[in-house]
C-alpha atoms as a PDB file:
ATOM      1  CA  MET A   1      23.294  -1.866  30.603  1.00  0.00           C
ATOM      2  CA  ASN A   2      19.205  -0.249  30.611  1.00  0.00           C
ATOM      3  CA  LEU A   3      19.642  -0.635  27.433  1.00  0.00           C
ATOM      4  CA  PHE A   4      20.236  -3.501  26.413  1.00  0.00           C
ATOM      5  CA  LYS A   5      17.490  -5.638  29.173  1.00  0.00           C
ATOM      6  CA  GLN A   6      15.266  -2.867  26.913  1.00  0.00           C
ATOM      7  CA  LEU A   7      16.305  -4.450  23.896  1.00  0.00           C
ATOM      8  CA  LEU A   8      16.095  -8.318  25.396  1.00  0.00           C
ATOM      9  CA  ARG A   9      12.716  -7.508  25.960  1.00  0.00           C
ATOM     10  CA  VAL A  10      11.618  -6.783  22.684  1.00  0.00           C
ATOM     11  CA  LEU A  11      13.061  -9.579  20.817  1.00  0.00           C
ATOM     12  CA  THR A  12      10.854 -11.764  23.516  1.00  0.00           C
ATOM     13  CA  MET A  13       7.996  -9.743  23.089  1.00  0.00           C
ATOM     14  CA  THR A  14       8.760 -10.543  19.173  1.00  0.00           C
ATOM     15  CA  ARG A  15       8.076 -13.987  19.793  1.00  0.00           C
ATOM     16  CA  ARG A  16       5.627 -13.533  21.678  1.00  0.00           C
ATOM     17  CA  VAL A  17       3.839 -13.020  18.908  1.00  0.00           C
ATOM     18  CA  GLY A  18       4.544 -14.569  16.219  1.00  0.00           C
ATOM     19  CA  GLY A  19       8.536 -13.945  15.610  1.00  0.00           C
ATOM     20  CA  TRP A  20      10.568 -12.762  13.039  1.00  0.00           C
ATOM     21  CA  LYS A  21       8.212 -14.712  10.049  1.00  0.00           C
ATOM     22  CA  ALA A  22       5.138 -12.666  11.618  1.00  0.00           C
ATOM     23  CA  ALA A  23       6.545  -9.375  11.211  1.00  0.00           C
ATOM     24  CA  THR A  24       7.658  -9.759   7.895  1.00  0.00           C
ATOM     25  CA  SER A  25       3.859 -10.623   7.021  1.00  0.00           C
ATOM     26  CA  LEU A  26       2.205  -8.015   8.985  1.00  0.00           C
ATOM     27  CA  ILE A  27       4.947  -5.081   7.092  1.00  0.00           C
ATOM     28  CA  GLN A  28       3.955  -6.274   4.344  1.00  0.00           C
ATOM     29  CA  ASN A  29       0.545  -6.157   3.938  1.00  0.00           C
ATOM     30  CA  LEU A  30       0.066  -2.709   5.511  1.00  0.00           C
ATOM     31  CA  PRO A  31      -0.540  -1.417   2.866  1.00  0.00           C
ATOM     32  CA  LYS A  32      -3.571  -3.442   2.574  1.00  0.00           C
ATOM     33  CA  GLN A  33      -4.490  -2.922   5.739  1.00  0.00           C
ATOM     34  CA  LEU A  34      -4.372   0.478   5.889  1.00  0.00           C
ATOM     35  CA  GLN A  35      -6.936   0.365   2.475  1.00  0.00           C
ATOM     36  CA  LEU A  36      -9.304  -1.896   5.178  1.00  0.00           C
ATOM     37  CA  PHE A  37      -9.445   0.282   8.184  1.00  0.00           C
ATOM     38  CA  ARG A  38      -9.970   3.282   5.569  1.00  0.00           C
ATOM     39  CA  ARG A  39     -12.794   1.262   3.618  1.00  0.00           C
ATOM     40  CA  LEU A  40     -14.047  -0.119   6.516  1.00  0.00           C
ATOM     41  CA  LEU A  41     -14.329   4.267   8.449  1.00  0.00           C
ATOM     42  CA  SER A  42     -16.564   4.495   5.671  1.00  0.00           C
ATOM     43  CA  ASP A  43     -18.909   1.870   5.623  1.00  0.00           C
ATOM     44  CA  PRO A  44     -22.418   3.172   7.687  1.00  0.00           C
ATOM     45  CA  ARG A  45     -22.719  -0.163   8.383  1.00  0.00           C
ATOM     46  CA  VAL A  46     -20.097  -0.343  10.617  1.00  0.00           C
ATOM     47  CA  PRO A  47     -20.767   0.618  14.593  1.00  0.00           C
ATOM     48  CA  VAL A  48     -20.161   4.155  15.561  1.00  0.00           C
ATOM     49  CA  VAL A  49     -18.538   2.959  18.988  1.00  0.00           C
ATOM     50  CA  GLY A  50     -15.535   1.770  17.179  1.00  0.00           C
ATOM     51  CA  LYS A  51     -15.269   4.542  14.622  1.00  0.00           C
ATOM     52  CA  VAL A  52     -14.414   7.018  17.190  1.00  0.00           C
ATOM     53  CA  VAL A  53     -11.889   5.005  19.195  1.00  0.00           C
ATOM     54  CA  LEU A  54      -9.928   4.276  16.447  1.00  0.00           C
ATOM     55  CA  VAL A  55     -10.078   7.446  15.169  1.00  0.00           C
ATOM     56  CA  GLY A  56      -9.366   9.517  18.797  1.00  0.00           C
ATOM     57  CA  ALA A  57      -6.695   7.185  19.538  1.00  0.00           C
ATOM     58  CA  VAL A  58      -5.220   8.133  16.037  1.00  0.00           C
ATOM     59  CA  LEU A  59      -5.372  11.554  16.909  1.00  0.00           C
ATOM     60  CA  PHE A  60      -3.781  10.469  20.559  1.00  0.00           C
ATOM     61  CA  ALA A  61      -0.835   9.328  18.448  1.00  0.00           C
ATOM     62  CA  VAL A  62      -0.273  12.656  16.766  1.00  0.00           C
ATOM     63  CA  SER A  63      -0.887  14.473  19.439  1.00  0.00           C
ATOM     64  CA  PRO A  64       1.430  15.895  21.764  1.00  0.00           C
ATOM     65  CA  LEU A  65       0.518  14.172  24.871  1.00  0.00           C
ATOM     66  CA  ASN A  66       2.360  11.683  25.937  1.00  0.00           C
ATOM     67  CA  LEU A  67       2.914   8.989  29.452  1.00  0.00           C
ATOM     68  CA  PRO A  68       6.339  10.254  30.523  1.00  0.00           C
ATOM     69  CA  GLN A  69       9.120   9.113  28.981  1.00  0.00           C
ATOM     70  CA  TYR A  70      11.031   8.244  31.962  1.00  0.00           C
ATOM     71  CA  ILE A  71       8.736   5.048  32.543  1.00  0.00           C
ATOM     72  CA  PRO A  72      10.314   2.239  31.299  1.00  0.00           C
ATOM     73  CA  ILE A  73       9.029   0.553  27.270  1.00  0.00           C
ATOM     74  CA  ILE A  74       5.766   1.556  28.368  1.00  0.00           C
ATOM     75  CA  GLY A  75       7.172   6.034  27.502  1.00  0.00           C
ATOM     76  CA  GLN A  76       8.348   4.893  24.538  1.00  0.00           C
ATOM     77  CA  LEU A  77       5.585   3.162  22.898  1.00  0.00           C
ATOM     78  CA  ASP A  78       2.459   4.090  24.919  1.00  0.00           C
ATOM     79  CA  ASP A  79       0.872   5.227  20.735  1.00  0.00           C
ATOM     80  CA  ILE A  80       2.097   2.080  19.880  1.00  0.00           C
ATOM     81  CA  GLY A  81       0.102  -0.096  22.312  1.00  0.00           C
ATOM     82  CA  ILE A  82      -3.024   1.952  21.930  1.00  0.00           C
ATOM     83  CA  ALA A  83      -3.299   1.951  17.643  1.00  0.00           C
ATOM     84  CA  LEU A  84      -3.005  -1.499  18.377  1.00  0.00           C
ATOM     85  CA  LEU A  85      -5.670  -1.621  21.577  1.00  0.00           C
ATOM     86  CA  ALA A  86      -7.563   0.862  19.870  1.00  0.00           C
ATOM     87  CA  GLY A  87      -7.153  -1.567  16.124  1.00  0.00           C
ATOM     88  CA  ASN A  88      -8.544  -4.678  17.836  1.00  0.00           C
ATOM     89  CA  PHE A  89     -11.265  -3.301  19.319  1.00  0.00           C
ATOM     90  CA  PHE A  90     -12.283  -1.080  15.967  1.00  0.00           C
ATOM     91  CA  LEU A  91     -12.279  -5.267  14.125  1.00  0.00           C
ATOM     92  CA  LYS A  92     -14.397  -7.136  17.087  1.00  0.00           C
ATOM     93  CA  GLN A  93     -17.062  -4.026  16.333  1.00  0.00           C
ATOM     94  CA  VAL A  94     -17.862  -4.785  13.041  1.00  0.00           C
ATOM     95  CA  PRO A  95     -20.051  -7.144  11.413  1.00  0.00           C
ATOM     96  CA  ALA A  96     -18.215 -10.516  10.327  1.00  0.00           C
ATOM     97  CA  GLU A  97     -19.724 -10.622   6.686  1.00  0.00           C
ATOM     98  CA  VAL A  98     -19.196  -7.029   6.287  1.00  0.00           C
ATOM     99  CA  LEU A  99     -14.970  -7.856   7.439  1.00  0.00           C
ATOM    100  CA  ALA A 100     -14.975 -10.039   5.520  1.00  0.00           C
ATOM    101  CA  GLU A 101     -16.254  -8.199   2.267  1.00  0.00           C
ATOM    102  CA  HIS A 102     -14.146  -5.541   2.502  1.00  0.00           C
ATOM    103  CA  ARG A 103     -11.017  -8.320   2.631  1.00  0.00           C
ATOM    104  CA  TYR A 104     -11.659 -10.221   0.209  1.00  0.00           C
ATOM    105  CA  ALA A 105     -12.393  -6.493  -1.485  1.00  0.00           C
ATOM    106  CA  VAL A 106      -8.521  -5.599  -0.142  1.00  0.00           C
ATOM    107  CA  GLY A 107      -7.115  -8.025  -1.334  1.00  0.00           C
ATOM    108  CA  LEU A 108      -5.965 -10.030   1.798  1.00  0.00           C
ATOM    109  CA  GLY A 109      -8.806 -12.642   2.029  1.00  0.00           C
ATOM    110  CA  GLU A 110      -9.066 -14.595   4.886  1.00  0.00           C
ATOM    111  CA  SER A 111      -5.291 -14.159   5.952  1.00  0.00           C
ATOM    112  CA  PHE A 112      -6.191 -11.266   8.220  1.00  0.00           C
ATOM    113  CA  GLU A 113      -6.928 -12.466  11.571  1.00  0.00           C
ATOM    114  CA  THR A 114      -9.010 -10.648  14.020  1.00  0.00           C
ATOM    115  CA  ALA A 115      -8.217 -12.320  17.262  1.00  0.00           C
END
């Protein structure tokens, strides 16, 4: 029964963030988005604070440190949640014209939203 409740919560969250269409779009654009982050990390016009937060989140994700697994949902999704928060913070730190320049360069155009 516990697994069923967790699955139901995941499905509910998926509907809140745009449904399966948004999820498949995210997966299809993942290589371009990773290239965007790589380009932004190497750009000197991007503030260092955003870079440090993003790199710290990646290091946390690959480190053995984790929130306890007995916390429902959060225990399993802590790395994903921290990575999403750090990625969002990083993109908000990037000046709009720099972000637009790199989005165009990797082929994302206006389809990638930062909010």
